[in-house]
PDB file of N, CA and C in Angstrom:
ATOM      1  N   MET A   1    -186.947   5.999 -10.767  1.00  0.00           N
ATOM      2  CA  MET A   1    -187.345   5.796  -9.386  1.00  0.00           C
ATOM      3  C   MET A   1    -188.621   4.969  -9.319  1.00  0.00           C
ATOM      4  N   ARG A   2    -189.597   5.282 -10.162  1.00  0.00           N
ATOM      5  CA  ARG A   2    -190.864   4.554 -10.149  1.00  0.00           C
ATOM      6  C   ARG A   2    -190.691   3.071 -10.488  1.00  0.00           C
ATOM      7  N   PRO A   3    -189.909   2.722 -11.522  1.00  0.00           N
ATOM      8  CA  PRO A   3    -189.739   1.293 -11.814  1.00  0.00           C
ATOM      9  C   PRO A   3    -189.094   0.538 -10.650  1.00  0.00           C
ATOM     10  N   LEU A   4    -188.165   1.174  -9.955  1.00  0.00           N
ATOM     11  CA  LEU A   4    -187.523   0.534  -8.812  1.00  0.00           C
ATOM     12  C   LEU A   4    -188.542   0.257  -7.710  1.00  0.00           C
ATOM     13  N   VAL A   5    -189.411   1.212  -7.443  1.00  0.00           N
ATOM     14  CA  VAL A   5    -190.446   1.033  -6.422  1.00  0.00           C
ATOM     15  C   VAL A   5    -191.386  -0.092  -6.829  1.00  0.00           C
ATOM     16  N   LEU A   6    -191.756  -0.141  -8.098  1.00  0.00           N
ATOM     17  CA  LEU A   6    -192.640  -1.198  -8.594  1.00  0.00           C
ATOM     18  C   LEU A   6    -191.983  -2.566  -8.443  1.00  0.00           C
ATOM     19  N   VAL A   7    -190.722  -2.677  -8.791  1.00  0.00           N
ATOM     20  CA  VAL A   7    -190.002  -3.951  -8.655  1.00  0.00           C
ATOM     21  C   VAL A   7    -189.926  -4.358  -7.188  1.00  0.00           C
ATOM     22  N   LEU A   8    -189.620  -3.411  -6.313  1.00  0.00           N
ATOM     23  CA  LEU A   8    -189.559  -3.717  -4.880  1.00  0.00           C
ATOM     24  C   LEU A   8    -190.919  -4.161  -4.344  1.00  0.00           C
ATOM     25  N   ALA A   9    -191.983  -3.528  -4.794  1.00  0.00           N
ATOM     26  CA  ALA A   9    -193.327  -3.911  -4.357  1.00  0.00           C
ATOM     27  C   ALA A   9    -193.653  -5.329  -4.813  1.00  0.00           C
ATOM     28  N   ILE A  10    -193.294  -5.659  -6.043  1.00  0.00           N
ATOM     29  CA  ILE A  10    -193.550  -7.010  -6.554  1.00  0.00           C
ATOM     30  C   ILE A  10    -192.753  -8.042  -5.757  1.00  0.00           C
ATOM     31  N   VAL A  11    -191.510  -7.728  -5.431  1.00  0.00           N
ATOM     32  CA  VAL A  11    -190.679  -8.645  -4.640  1.00  0.00           C
ATOM     33  C   VAL A  11    -191.274  -8.846  -3.254  1.00  0.00           C
ATOM     34  N   VAL A  12    -191.731  -7.772  -2.622  1.00  0.00           N
ATOM     35  CA  VAL A  12    -192.323  -7.875  -1.280  1.00  0.00           C
ATOM     36  C   VAL A  12    -193.603  -8.699  -1.323  1.00  0.00           C
ATOM     37  N   VAL A  13    -194.447  -8.477  -2.322  1.00  0.00           N
ATOM     38  CA  VAL A  13    -195.690  -9.249  -2.442  1.00  0.00           C
ATOM     39  C   VAL A  13    -195.377 -10.723  -2.672  1.00  0.00           C
ATOM     40  N   ALA A  14    -194.431 -11.011  -3.541  1.00  0.00           N
ATOM     41  CA  ALA A  14    -194.059 -12.408  -3.807  1.00  0.00           C
ATOM     42  C   ALA A  14    -193.517 -13.069  -2.543  1.00  0.00           C
ATOM     43  N   ALA A  15    -192.658 -12.373  -1.824  1.00  0.00           N
ATOM     44  CA  ALA A  15    -192.108 -12.923  -0.586  1.00  0.00           C
ATOM     45  C   ALA A  15    -193.208 -13.138   0.445  1.00  0.00           C
ATOM     46  N   THR A  16    -194.173 -12.246   0.495  1.00  0.00           N
ATOM     47  CA  THR A  16    -195.287 -12.366   1.432  1.00  0.00           C
ATOM     48  C   THR A  16    -196.142 -13.584   1.109  1.00  0.00           C
ATOM     49  N   VAL A  17    -196.426 -13.800  -0.154  1.00  0.00           N
ATOM     50  CA  VAL A  17    -197.228 -14.964  -0.559  1.00  0.00           C
ATOM     51  C   VAL A  17    -196.485 -16.252  -0.213  1.00  0.00           C
ATOM     52  N   ILE A  18    -195.198 -16.299  -0.507  1.00  0.00           N
ATOM     53  CA  ILE A  18    -194.403 -17.489  -0.176  1.00  0.00           C
ATOM     54  C   ILE A  18    -194.398 -17.719   1.329  1.00  0.00           C
ATOM     55  N   LEU A  19    -194.232 -16.645   2.099  1.00  0.00           N
ATOM     56  CA  LEU A  19    -194.239 -16.736   3.556  1.00  0.00           C
ATOM     57  C   LEU A  19    -195.576 -17.266   4.061  1.00  0.00           C
ATOM     58  N   ALA A  20    -196.669 -16.769   3.516  1.00  0.00           N
ATOM     59  CA  ALA A  20    -197.998 -17.187   3.964  1.00  0.00           C
ATOM     60  C   ALA A  20    -198.248 -18.656   3.647  1.00  0.00           C
ATOM     61  N   VAL A  21    -197.811 -19.108   2.501  1.00  0.00           N
ATOM     62  CA  VAL A  21    -198.036 -20.503   2.107  1.00  0.00           C
ATOM     63  C   VAL A  21    -197.191 -21.450   2.957  1.00  0.00           C
ATOM     64  N   GLN A  22    -195.988 -21.052   3.307  1.00  0.00           N
ATOM     65  CA  GLN A  22    -195.086 -21.942   4.037  1.00  0.00           C
ATOM     66  C   GLN A  22    -195.275 -21.902   5.555  1.00  0.00           C
ATOM     67  N   ASN A  23    -196.023 -20.948   6.082  1.00  0.00           N
ATOM     68  CA  ASN A  23    -196.189 -20.817   7.537  1.00  0.00           C
ATOM     69  C   ASN A  23    -197.661 -20.820   7.916  1.00  0.00           C
ATOM     70  N   LEU A  24    -198.287 -21.969   7.753  1.00  0.00           N
ATOM     71  CA  LEU A  24    -199.712 -22.086   8.057  1.00  0.00           C
ATOM     72  C   LEU A  24    -199.966 -22.563   9.487  1.00  0.00           C
ATOM     73  N   ALA A  25    -198.944 -22.868  10.239  1.00  0.00           N
ATOM     74  CA  ALA A  25    -199.106 -23.376  11.601  1.00  0.00           C
ATOM     75  C   ALA A  25    -199.749 -22.325  12.494  1.00  0.00           C
ATOM     76  N   THR A  26    -200.570 -22.800  13.433  1.00  0.00           N
ATOM     77  CA  THR A  26    -201.233 -21.904  14.375  1.00  0.00           C
ATOM     78  C   THR A  26    -200.308 -21.670  15.564  1.00  0.00           C
ATOM     79  N   VAL A  27    -200.219 -20.400  15.966  1.00  0.00           N
ATOM     80  CA  VAL A  27    -199.383 -20.041  17.113  1.00  0.00           C
ATOM     81  C   VAL A  27    -200.186 -19.169  18.064  1.00  0.00           C
ATOM     82  N   SER A  28    -199.759 -19.167  19.316  1.00  0.00           N
ATOM     83  CA  SER A  28    -200.378 -18.303  20.320  1.00  0.00           C
ATOM     84  C   SER A  28    -199.428 -17.149  20.594  1.00  0.00           C
ATOM     85  N   VAL A  29    -199.988 -15.952  20.594  1.00  0.00           N
ATOM     86  CA  VAL A  29    -199.194 -14.767  20.883  1.00  0.00           C
ATOM     87  C   VAL A  29    -199.775 -14.122  22.133  1.00  0.00           C
ATOM     88  N   TYR A  30    -198.898 -13.850  23.095  1.00  0.00           N
ATOM     89  CA  TYR A  30    -199.306 -13.210  24.335  1.00  0.00           C
ATOM     90  C   TYR A  30    -198.793 -11.779  24.327  1.00  0.00           C
ATOM     91  N   PHE A  31    -199.702 -10.845  24.578  1.00  0.00           N
ATOM     92  CA  PHE A  31    -199.321  -9.435  24.646  1.00  0.00           C
ATOM     93  C   PHE A  31    -200.030  -8.828  25.843  1.00  0.00           C
ATOM     94  N   VAL A  32    -199.273  -8.438  26.834  1.00  0.00           N
ATOM     95  CA  VAL A  32    -199.752  -7.888  28.105  1.00  0.00           C
ATOM     96  C   VAL A  32    -200.775  -8.857  28.696  1.00  0.00           C
ATOM     97  N   VAL A  33    -202.081  -8.563  28.564  1.00  0.00           N
ATOM     98  CA  VAL A  33    -203.103  -9.439  29.140  1.00  0.00           C
ATOM     99  C   VAL A  33    -203.884 -10.197  28.068  1.00  0.00           C
ATOM    100  N   TRP A  34    -203.542  -9.990  26.815  1.00  0.00           N
ATOM    101  CA  TRP A  34    -204.276 -10.647  25.732  1.00  0.00           C
ATOM    102  C   TRP A  34    -203.526 -11.875  25.233  1.00  0.00           C
ATOM    103  N   GLN A  35    -204.317 -12.843  24.809  1.00  0.00           N
ATOM    104  CA  GLN A  35    -203.751 -14.020  24.159  1.00  0.00           C
ATOM    105  C   GLN A  35    -204.502 -14.187  22.843  1.00  0.00           C
ATOM    106  N   ILE A  36    -203.747 -14.258  21.752  1.00  0.00           N
ATOM    107  CA  ILE A  36    -204.367 -14.379  20.432  1.00  0.00           C
ATOM    108  C   ILE A  36    -203.774 -15.598  19.747  1.00  0.00           C
ATOM    109  N   GLU A  37    -204.664 -16.416  19.165  1.00  0.00           N
ATOM    110  CA  GLU A  37    -204.209 -17.568  18.393  1.00  0.00           C
ATOM    111  C   GLU A  37    -204.567 -17.341  16.935  1.00  0.00           C
ATOM    112  N   ALA A  38    -203.565 -17.464  16.085  1.00  0.00           N
ATOM    113  CA  ALA A  38    -203.769 -17.314  14.639  1.00  0.00           C
ATOM    114  C   ALA A  38    -202.588 -17.965  13.933  1.00  0.00           C
ATOM    115  N   SER A  39    -202.648 -17.989  12.623  1.00  0.00           N
ATOM    116  CA  SER A  39    -201.540 -18.592  11.880  1.00  0.00           C
ATOM    117  C   SER A  39    -200.302 -17.702  11.985  1.00  0.00           C
ATOM    118  N   LEU A  40    -199.161 -18.341  11.905  1.00  0.00           N
ATOM    119  CA  LEU A  40    -197.897 -17.611  11.976  1.00  0.00           C
ATOM    120  C   LEU A  40    -197.801 -16.598  10.843  1.00  0.00           C
ATOM    121  N   ALA A  41    -198.291 -16.974   9.673  1.00  0.00           N
ATOM    122  CA  ALA A  41    -198.259 -16.070   8.519  1.00  0.00           C
ATOM    123  C   ALA A  41    -199.071 -14.808   8.795  1.00  0.00           C
ATOM    124  N   ALA A  42    -200.226 -14.965   9.446  1.00  0.00           N
ATOM    125  CA  ALA A  42    -201.063 -13.805   9.754  1.00  0.00           C
ATOM    126  C   ALA A  42    -200.322 -12.837  10.676  1.00  0.00           C
ATOM    127  N   PHE A  43    -199.649 -13.385  11.697  1.00  0.00           N
ATOM    128  CA  PHE A  43    -198.893 -12.515  12.601  1.00  0.00           C
ATOM    129  C   PHE A  43    -197.722 -11.839  11.885  1.00  0.00           C
ATOM    130  N   LEU A  44    -197.042 -12.597  11.051  1.00  0.00           N
ATOM    131  CA  LEU A  44    -195.920 -12.013  10.326  1.00  0.00           C
ATOM    132  C   LEU A  44    -196.391 -10.924   9.361  1.00  0.00           C
ATOM    133  N   LEU A  45    -197.511 -11.171   8.689  1.00  0.00           N
ATOM    134  CA  LEU A  45    -198.056 -10.162   7.774  1.00  0.00           C
ATOM    135  C   LEU A  45    -198.532  -8.936   8.545  1.00  0.00           C
ATOM    136  N   LEU A  46    -199.115  -9.176   9.719  1.00  0.00           N
ATOM    137  CA  LEU A  46    -199.566  -8.066  10.555  1.00  0.00           C
ATOM    138  C   LEU A  46    -198.378  -7.211  11.005  1.00  0.00           C
ATOM    139  N   THR A  47    -197.298  -7.844  11.414  1.00  0.00           N
ATOM    140  CA  THR A  47    -196.125  -7.070  11.827  1.00  0.00           C
ATOM    141  C   THR A  47    -195.480  -6.368  10.633  1.00  0.00           C
ATOM    142  N   LEU A  48    -195.509  -7.009   9.462  1.00  0.00           N
ATOM    143  CA  LEU A  48    -194.996  -6.364   8.251  1.00  0.00           C
ATOM    144  C   LEU A  48    -195.816  -5.111   7.933  1.00  0.00           C
ATOM    145  N   ALA A  49    -197.141  -5.234   7.990  1.00  0.00           N
ATOM    146  CA  ALA A  49    -198.015  -4.086   7.729  1.00  0.00           C
ATOM    147  C   ALA A  49    -197.799  -2.991   8.776  1.00  0.00           C
ATOM    148  N   ALA A  50    -197.628  -3.390  10.027  1.00  0.00           N
ATOM    149  CA  ALA A  50    -197.384  -2.403  11.086  1.00  0.00           C
ATOM    150  C   ALA A  50    -196.059  -1.676  10.844  1.00  0.00           C
ATOM    151  N   GLY A  51    -195.068  -2.395  10.367  1.00  0.00           N
ATOM    152  CA  GLY A  51    -193.783  -1.769  10.054  1.00  0.00           C
ATOM    153  C   GLY A  51    -193.898  -0.771   8.917  1.00  0.00           C
ATOM    154  N   PHE A  52    -194.640  -1.158   7.855  1.00  0.00           N
ATOM    155  CA  PHE A  52    -194.855  -0.229   6.746  1.00  0.00           C
ATOM    156  C   PHE A  52    -195.606   1.014   7.214  1.00  0.00           C
ATOM    157  N   LEU A  53    -196.639   0.806   8.027  1.00  0.00           N
ATOM    158  CA  LEU A  53    -197.420   1.933   8.527  1.00  0.00           C
ATOM    159  C   LEU A  53    -196.558   2.848   9.400  1.00  0.00           C
ATOM    160  N   ALA A  54    -195.760   2.254  10.269  1.00  0.00           N
ATOM    161  CA  ALA A  54    -194.897   3.061  11.140  1.00  0.00           C
ATOM    162  C   ALA A  54    -193.882   3.854  10.322  1.00  0.00           C
ATOM    163  N   SER A  55    -193.272   3.212   9.332  1.00  0.00           N
ATOM    164  CA  SER A  55    -192.285   3.939   8.521  1.00  0.00           C
ATOM    165  C   SER A  55    -192.951   5.042   7.711  1.00  0.00           C
ATOM    166  N   PHE A  56    -194.170   4.781   7.225  1.00  0.00           N
ATOM    167  CA  PHE A  56    -194.911   5.807   6.485  1.00  0.00           C
ATOM    168  C   PHE A  56    -195.210   7.006   7.385  1.00  0.00           C
ATOM    169  N   LEU A  57    -195.728   6.730   8.574  1.00  0.00           N
ATOM    170  CA  LEU A  57    -196.079   7.818   9.492  1.00  0.00           C
ATOM    171  C   LEU A  57    -194.845   8.587   9.962  1.00  0.00           C
ATOM    172  N   LEU A  58    -193.739   7.889  10.159  1.00  0.00           N
ATOM    173  CA  LEU A  58    -192.521   8.571  10.596  1.00  0.00           C
ATOM    174  C   LEU A  58    -191.887   9.398   9.483  1.00  0.00           C
ATOM    175  N   SER A  59    -192.139   9.027   8.242  1.00  0.00           N
ATOM    176  CA  SER A  59    -191.557   9.791   7.130  1.00  0.00           C
ATOM    177  C   SER A  59    -192.424  10.980   6.718  1.00  0.00           C
ATOM    178  N   MET A  60    -193.659  11.026   7.159  1.00  0.00           N
ATOM    179  CA  MET A  60    -194.569  12.098   6.747  1.00  0.00           C
ATOM    180  C   MET A  60    -194.083  13.501   7.115  1.00  0.00           C
ATOM    181  N   PRO A  61    -193.563  13.746   8.318  1.00  0.00           N
ATOM    182  CA  PRO A  61    -193.086  15.112   8.610  1.00  0.00           C
ATOM    183  C   PRO A  61    -192.019  15.586   7.632  1.00  0.00           C
ATOM    184  N   THR A  62    -191.114  14.691   7.261  1.00  0.00           N
ATOM    185  CA  THR A  62    -190.069  15.059   6.306  1.00  0.00           C
ATOM    186  C   THR A  62    -190.665  15.365   4.943  1.00  0.00           C
ATOM    187  N   VAL A  63    -191.599  14.535   4.508  1.00  0.00           N
ATOM    188  CA  VAL A  63    -192.240  14.743   3.203  1.00  0.00           C
ATOM    189  C   VAL A  63    -193.007  16.060   3.197  1.00  0.00           C
ATOM    190  N   ILE A  64    -193.748  16.316   4.258  1.00  0.00           N
ATOM    191  CA  ILE A  64    -194.522  17.562   4.347  1.00  0.00           C
ATOM    192  C   ILE A  64    -193.582  18.767   4.351  1.00  0.00           C
ATOM    193  N   GLN A  65    -192.491  18.672   5.103  1.00  0.00           N
ATOM    194  CA  GLN A  65    -191.528  19.776   5.164  1.00  0.00           C
ATOM    195  C   GLN A  65    -190.907  20.024   3.791  1.00  0.00           C
ATOM    196  N   LYS A  66    -190.544  18.974   3.076  1.00  0.00           N
ATOM    197  CA  LYS A  66    -189.960  19.144   1.745  1.00  0.00           C
ATOM    198  C   LYS A  66    -190.972  19.751   0.780  1.00  0.00           C
ATOM    199  N   ASN A  67    -192.219  19.289   0.842  1.00  0.00           N
ATOM    200  CA  ASN A  67    -193.254  19.855  -0.031  1.00  0.00           C
ATOM    201  C   ASN A  67    -193.488  21.327   0.282  1.00  0.00           C
ATOM    202  N   TRP A  68    -193.437  21.684   1.550  1.00  0.00           N
ATOM    203  CA  TRP A  68    -193.603  23.078   1.956  1.00  0.00           C
ATOM    204  C   TRP A  68    -192.461  23.922   1.400  1.00  0.00           C
ATOM    205  N   LYS A  69    -191.237  23.405   1.504  1.00  0.00           N
ATOM    206  CA  LYS A  69    -190.085  24.135   0.965  1.00  0.00           C
ATOM    207  C   LYS A  69    -190.193  24.278  -0.549  1.00  0.00           C
ATOM    208  N   ILE A  70    -190.617  23.219  -1.218  1.00  0.00           N
ATOM    209  CA  ILE A  70    -190.775  23.275  -2.675  1.00  0.00           C
ATOM    210  C   ILE A  70    -191.799  24.338  -3.050  1.00  0.00           C
ATOM    211  N   ALA A  71    -192.919  24.375  -2.331  1.00  0.00           N
ATOM    212  CA  ALA A  71    -193.952  25.381  -2.615  1.00  0.00           C
ATOM    213  C   ALA A  71    -193.403  26.788  -2.397  1.00  0.00           C
ATOM    214  N   ASN A  72    -192.647  26.982  -1.319  1.00  0.00           N
ATOM    215  CA  ASN A  72    -192.053  28.298  -1.057  1.00  0.00           C
ATOM    216  C   ASN A  72    -191.057  28.685  -2.140  1.00  0.00           C
ATOM    217  N   HIS A  73    -190.259  27.727  -2.579  1.00  0.00           N
ATOM    218  CA  HIS A  73    -189.278  28.016  -3.634  1.00  0.00           C
ATOM    219  C   HIS A  73    -189.975  28.344  -4.954  1.00  0.00           C
ATOM    220  N   LYS A  74    -191.045  27.624  -5.260  1.00  0.00           N
ATOM    221  CA  LYS A  74    -191.793  27.922  -6.488  1.00  0.00           C
ATOM    222  C   LYS A  74    -192.384  29.323  -6.427  1.00  0.00           C
ATOM    223  N   GLN A  75    -192.920  29.685  -5.267  1.00  0.00           N
ATOM    224  CA  GLN A  75    -193.486  31.024  -5.088  1.00  0.00           C
ATOM    225  C   GLN A  75    -192.391  32.082  -5.240  1.00  0.00           C
ATOM    226  N   ARG A  76    -191.222  31.819  -4.686  1.00  0.00           N
ATOM    227  CA  ARG A  76    -190.098  32.758  -4.799  1.00  0.00           C
ATOM    228  C   ARG A  76    -189.643  32.880  -6.255  1.00  0.00           C
ATOM    229  N   ILE A  77    -189.636  31.767  -6.981  1.00  0.00           N
ATOM    230  CA  ILE A  77    -189.257  31.793  -8.396  1.00  0.00           C
ATOM    231  C   ILE A  77    -190.222  32.667  -9.179  1.00  0.00           C
ATOM    232  N   VAL A  78    -191.517  32.513  -8.925  1.00  0.00           N
ATOM    233  CA  VAL A  78    -192.518  33.332  -9.619  1.00  0.00           C
ATOM    234  C   VAL A  78    -192.284  34.807  -9.312  1.00  0.00           C
ATOM    235  N   GLN A  79    -192.016  35.114  -8.044  1.00  0.00           N
ATOM    236  CA  GLN A  79    -191.772  36.500  -7.641  1.00  0.00           C
ATOM    237  C   GLN A  79    -190.521  37.052  -8.334  1.00  0.00           C
ATOM    238  N   LEU A  80    -189.453  36.273  -8.361  1.00  0.00           N
ATOM    239  CA  LEU A  80    -188.218  36.730  -8.998  1.00  0.00           C
ATOM    240  C   LEU A  80    -188.384  36.884 -10.506  1.00  0.00           C
ATOM    241  N   GLU A  81    -189.152  35.990 -11.129  1.00  0.00           N
ATOM    242  CA  GLU A  81    -189.416  36.125 -12.566  1.00  0.00           C
ATOM    243  C   GLU A  81    -190.197  37.399 -12.851  1.00  0.00           C
ATOM    244  N   LYS A  82    -191.153  37.714 -11.977  1.00  0.00           N
ATOM    245  CA  LYS A  82    -191.931  38.940 -12.148  1.00  0.00           C
ATOM    246  C   LYS A  82    -191.018  40.160 -12.026  1.00  0.00           C
ATOM    247  N   GLU A  83    -190.168  40.162 -10.998  1.00  0.00           N
ATOM    248  CA  GLU A  83    -189.235  41.278 -10.820  1.00  0.00           C
ATOM    249  C   GLU A  83    -188.281  41.383 -12.005  1.00  0.00           C
ATOM    250  N   SER A  84    -187.819  40.252 -12.501  1.00  0.00           N
ATOM    251  CA  SER A  84    -186.916  40.244 -13.653  1.00  0.00           C
ATOM    252  C   SER A  84    -187.602  40.828 -14.879  1.00  0.00           C
ATOM    253  N   ASN A  85    -188.848  40.431 -15.111  1.00  0.00           N
ATOM    254  CA  ASN A  85    -189.591  40.970 -16.257  1.00  0.00           C
ATOM    255  C   ASN A  85    -189.800  42.476 -16.127  1.00  0.00           C
ATOM    256  N   GLU A  86    -190.092  42.928 -14.905  1.00  0.00           N
ATOM    257  CA  GLU A  86    -190.260  44.364 -14.685  1.00  0.00           C
ATOM    258  C   GLU A  86    -188.956  45.109 -14.964  1.00  0.00           C
ATOM    259  N   MET A  87    -187.836  44.536 -14.546  1.00  0.00           N
ATOM    260  CA  MET A  87    -186.541  45.179 -14.793  1.00  0.00           C
ATOM    261  C   MET A  87    -186.215  45.184 -16.279  1.00  0.00           C
ATOM    262  N   ILE A  88    -186.547  44.120 -16.973  1.00  0.00           N
ATOM    263  CA  ILE A  88    -186.320  44.065 -18.424  1.00  0.00           C
ATOM    264  C   ILE A  88    -187.147  45.139 -19.117  1.00  0.00           C
ATOM    265  N   GLU A  89    -188.396  45.305 -18.691  1.00  0.00           N
ATOM    266  CA  GLU A  89    -189.246  46.354 -19.263  1.00  0.00           C
ATOM    267  C   GLU A  89    -188.666  47.739 -18.973  1.00  0.00           C
ATOM    268  N   THR A  90    -188.179  47.947 -17.755  1.00  0.00           N
ATOM    269  CA  THR A  90    -187.574  49.231 -17.394  1.00  0.00           C
ATOM    270  C   THR A  90    -186.336  49.496 -18.240  1.00  0.00           C
ATOM    271  N   ILE A  91    -185.503  48.480 -18.409  1.00  0.00           N
ATOM    272  CA  ILE A  91    -184.295  48.630 -19.231  1.00  0.00           C
ATOM    273  C   ILE A  91    -184.670  48.957 -20.666  1.00  0.00           C
ATOM    274  N   SER A  92    -185.670  48.272 -21.183  1.00  0.00           N
ATOM    275  CA  SER A  92    -186.116  48.526 -22.558  1.00  0.00           C
ATOM    276  C   SER A  92    -186.628  49.958 -22.707  1.00  0.00           C
ATOM    277  N   ALA A  93    -187.415  50.397 -21.736  1.00  0.00           N
ATOM    278  CA  ALA A  93    -187.936  51.768 -21.783  1.00  0.00           C
ATOM    279  C   ALA A  93    -186.793  52.782 -21.691  1.00  0.00           C
ATOM    280  N   GLN A  94    -185.811  52.515 -20.843  1.00  0.00           N
ATOM    281  CA  GLN A  94    -184.673  53.429 -20.705  1.00  0.00           C
ATOM    282  C   GLN A  94    -183.828  53.466 -21.983  1.00  0.00           C
ATOM    283  N   ARG A  95    -183.682  52.316 -22.642  1.00  0.00           N
ATOM    284  CA  ARG A  95    -182.940  52.290 -23.910  1.00  0.00           C
ATOM    285  C   ARG A  95    -183.649  53.131 -24.962  1.00  0.00           C
ATOM    286  N   LYS A  96    -184.973  52.997 -25.022  1.00  0.00           N
ATOM    287  CA  LYS A  96    -185.743  53.806 -25.977  1.00  0.00           C
ATOM    288  C   LYS A  96    -185.582  55.289 -25.660  1.00  0.00           C
ATOM    289  N   ARG A  97    -185.596  55.616 -24.377  1.00  0.00           N
ATOM    290  CA  ARG A  97    -185.434  57.014 -23.966  1.00  0.00           C
ATOM    291  C   ARG A  97    -184.048  57.521 -24.349  1.00  0.00           C
ATOM    292  N   ILE A  98    -183.033  56.696 -24.127  1.00  0.00           N
ATOM    293  CA  ILE A  98    -181.660  57.086 -24.489  1.00  0.00           C
ATOM    294  C   ILE A  98    -181.559  57.304 -25.987  1.00  0.00           C
ATOM    295  N   GLU A  99    -182.122  56.381 -26.766  1.00  0.00           N
ATOM    296  CA  GLU A  99    -182.090  56.538 -28.229  1.00  0.00           C
ATOM    297  C   GLU A  99    -182.789  57.825 -28.655  1.00  0.00           C
ATOM    298  N   TYR A 100    -183.930  58.109 -28.049  1.00  0.00           N
ATOM    299  CA  TYR A 100    -184.670  59.335 -28.372  1.00  0.00           C
ATOM    300  C   TYR A 100    -183.831  60.565 -28.026  1.00  0.00           C
ATOM    301  N   LEU A 101    -183.235  60.552 -26.827  1.00  0.00           N
ATOM    302  CA  LEU A 101    -182.425  61.696 -26.405  1.00  0.00           C
ATOM    303  C   LEU A 101    -181.183  61.856 -27.283  1.00  0.00           C
ATOM    304  N   GLU A 102    -180.565  60.736 -27.669  1.00  0.00           N
ATOM    305  CA  GLU A 102    -179.401  60.822 -28.553  1.00  0.00           C
ATOM    306  C   GLU A 102    -179.786  61.415 -29.903  1.00  0.00           C
ATOM    307  N   LYS A 103    -180.918  60.992 -30.449  1.00  0.00           N
ATOM    308  CA  LYS A 103    -181.388  61.542 -31.729  1.00  0.00           C
ATOM    309  C   LYS A 103    -181.695  63.032 -31.584  1.00  0.00           C
ATOM    310  N   SER A 104    -182.362  63.374 -30.499  1.00  0.00           N
ATOM    311  CA  SER A 104    -182.688  64.785 -30.266  1.00  0.00           C
ATOM    312  C   SER A 104    -181.421  65.609 -30.099  1.00  0.00           C
ATOM    313  N   PHE A 105    -180.473  65.086 -29.347  1.00  0.00           N
ATOM    314  CA  PHE A 105    -179.212  65.790 -29.132  1.00  0.00           C
ATOM    315  C   PHE A 105    -178.445  65.919 -30.445  1.00  0.00           C
ATOM    316  N   GLN A 106    -178.445  64.845 -31.236  1.00  0.00           N
ATOM    317  CA  GLN A 106    -177.767  64.879 -32.534  1.00  0.00           C
ATOM    318  C   GLN A 106    -178.412  65.921 -33.443  1.00  0.00           C
ATOM    319  N   GLN A 107    -179.730  65.966 -33.452  1.00  0.00           N
ATOM    320  CA  GLN A 107    -180.432  66.962 -34.267  1.00  0.00           C
ATOM    321  C   GLN A 107    -180.126  68.372 -33.771  1.00  0.00           C
ATOM    322  N   GLU A 108    -180.050  68.542 -32.475  1.00  0.00           N
ATOM    323  CA  GLU A 108    -179.730  69.847 -31.880  1.00  0.00           C
ATOM    324  C   GLU A 108    -178.327  70.276 -32.285  1.00  0.00           C
ATOM    325  N   ILE A 109    -177.392  69.351 -32.248  1.00  0.00           N
ATOM    326  CA  ILE A 109    -176.011  69.660 -32.650  1.00  0.00           C
ATOM    327  C   ILE A 109    -175.967  70.029 -34.123  1.00  0.00           C
ATOM    328  N   GLU A 110    -176.648  69.272 -34.954  1.00  0.00           N
ATOM    329  CA  GLU A 110    -176.653  69.547 -36.392  1.00  0.00           C
ATOM    330  C   GLU A 110    -177.297  70.899 -36.697  1.00  0.00           C
ATOM    331  N   SER A 111    -178.374  71.197 -36.006  1.00  0.00           N
ATOM    332  CA  SER A 111    -179.015  72.496 -36.241  1.00  0.00           C
ATOM    333  C   SER A 111    -178.127  73.637 -35.744  1.00  0.00           C
ATOM    334  N   THR A 112    -177.395  73.423 -34.661  1.00  0.00           N
ATOM    335  CA  THR A 112    -176.479  74.433 -34.147  1.00  0.00           C
ATOM    336  C   THR A 112    -175.307  74.623 -35.105  1.00  0.00           C
ATOM    337  N   LYS A 113    -174.796  73.555 -35.678  1.00  0.00           N
ATOM    338  CA  LYS A 113    -173.682  73.645 -36.622  1.00  0.00           C
ATOM    339  C   LYS A 113    -174.103  74.381 -37.886  1.00  0.00           C
ATOM    340  N   SER A 114    -175.313  74.159 -38.323  1.00  0.00           N
ATOM    341  CA  SER A 114    -175.766  74.839 -39.541  1.00  0.00           C
ATOM    342  C   SER A 114    -175.998  76.329 -39.288  1.00  0.00           C
ATOM    343  N   ILE A 115    -176.269  76.725 -38.071  1.00  0.00           N
ATOM    344  CA  ILE A 115    -176.483  78.134 -37.737  1.00  0.00           C
ATOM    345  C   ILE A 115    -175.151  78.836 -37.498  1.00  0.00           C
ATOM    346  N   GLU A 116    -174.189  78.220 -36.879  1.00  0.00           N
ATOM    347  CA  GLU A 116    -172.908  78.836 -36.519  1.00  0.00           C
ATOM    348  C   GLU A 116    -172.138  79.390 -37.713  1.00  0.00           C
ATOM    349  N   PRO A 117    -171.996  78.695 -38.811  1.00  0.00           N
ATOM    350  CA  PRO A 117    -171.231  79.272 -39.923  1.00  0.00           C
ATOM    351  C   PRO A 117    -171.863  80.564 -40.447  1.00  0.00           C
ATOM    352  N   LYS A 118    -173.138  80.685 -40.425  1.00  0.00           N
ATOM    353  CA  LYS A 118    -173.798  81.900 -40.901  1.00  0.00           C
ATOM    354  C   LYS A 118    -173.488  83.071 -39.986  1.00  0.00           C
ATOM    355  N   GLN A 119    -173.375  82.836 -38.698  1.00  0.00           N
ATOM    356  CA  GLN A 119    -173.101  83.912 -37.754  1.00  0.00           C
ATOM    357  C   GLN A 119    -171.663  84.394 -37.862  1.00  0.00           C
ATOM    358  N   LYS A 120    -170.725  83.550 -38.224  1.00  0.00           N
ATOM    359  CA  LYS A 120    -169.319  83.924 -38.326  1.00  0.00           C
ATOM    360  C   LYS A 120    -169.087  84.825 -39.530  1.00  0.00           C
ATOM    361  N   GLN A 121    -169.855  84.772 -40.540  1.00  0.00           N
ATOM    362  CA  GLN A 121    -169.646  85.571 -41.752  1.00  0.00           C
ATOM    363  C   GLN A 121    -170.058  86.945 -41.474  1.00  0.00           C
TER     364      GLN A 121
END
């Protein structure tokens, strides 16, 4: 994405320089009550800059909204990872408890079996 933007920027700058060199004639521009005289290239560059500025300003709400969503998703990921780690710890602790209880139960059964034959005699 970055190389494409760089290439596009170079193309726009080159086109702008060519435009400025080829359009040196002075023109009058009337806007409401103002009259401005300047080179055609200056007006074209001014409108180009105004277009870039307008597109930048119009795209900002979308960019801000996407960044906000990304931040919220990152925060949610951190929260879910924390919950996942807590559950893994709980599972590990429960497995250890089960192993302990199984060993204790096995020992209890073995001790009961060793006592039972003596009582039957």
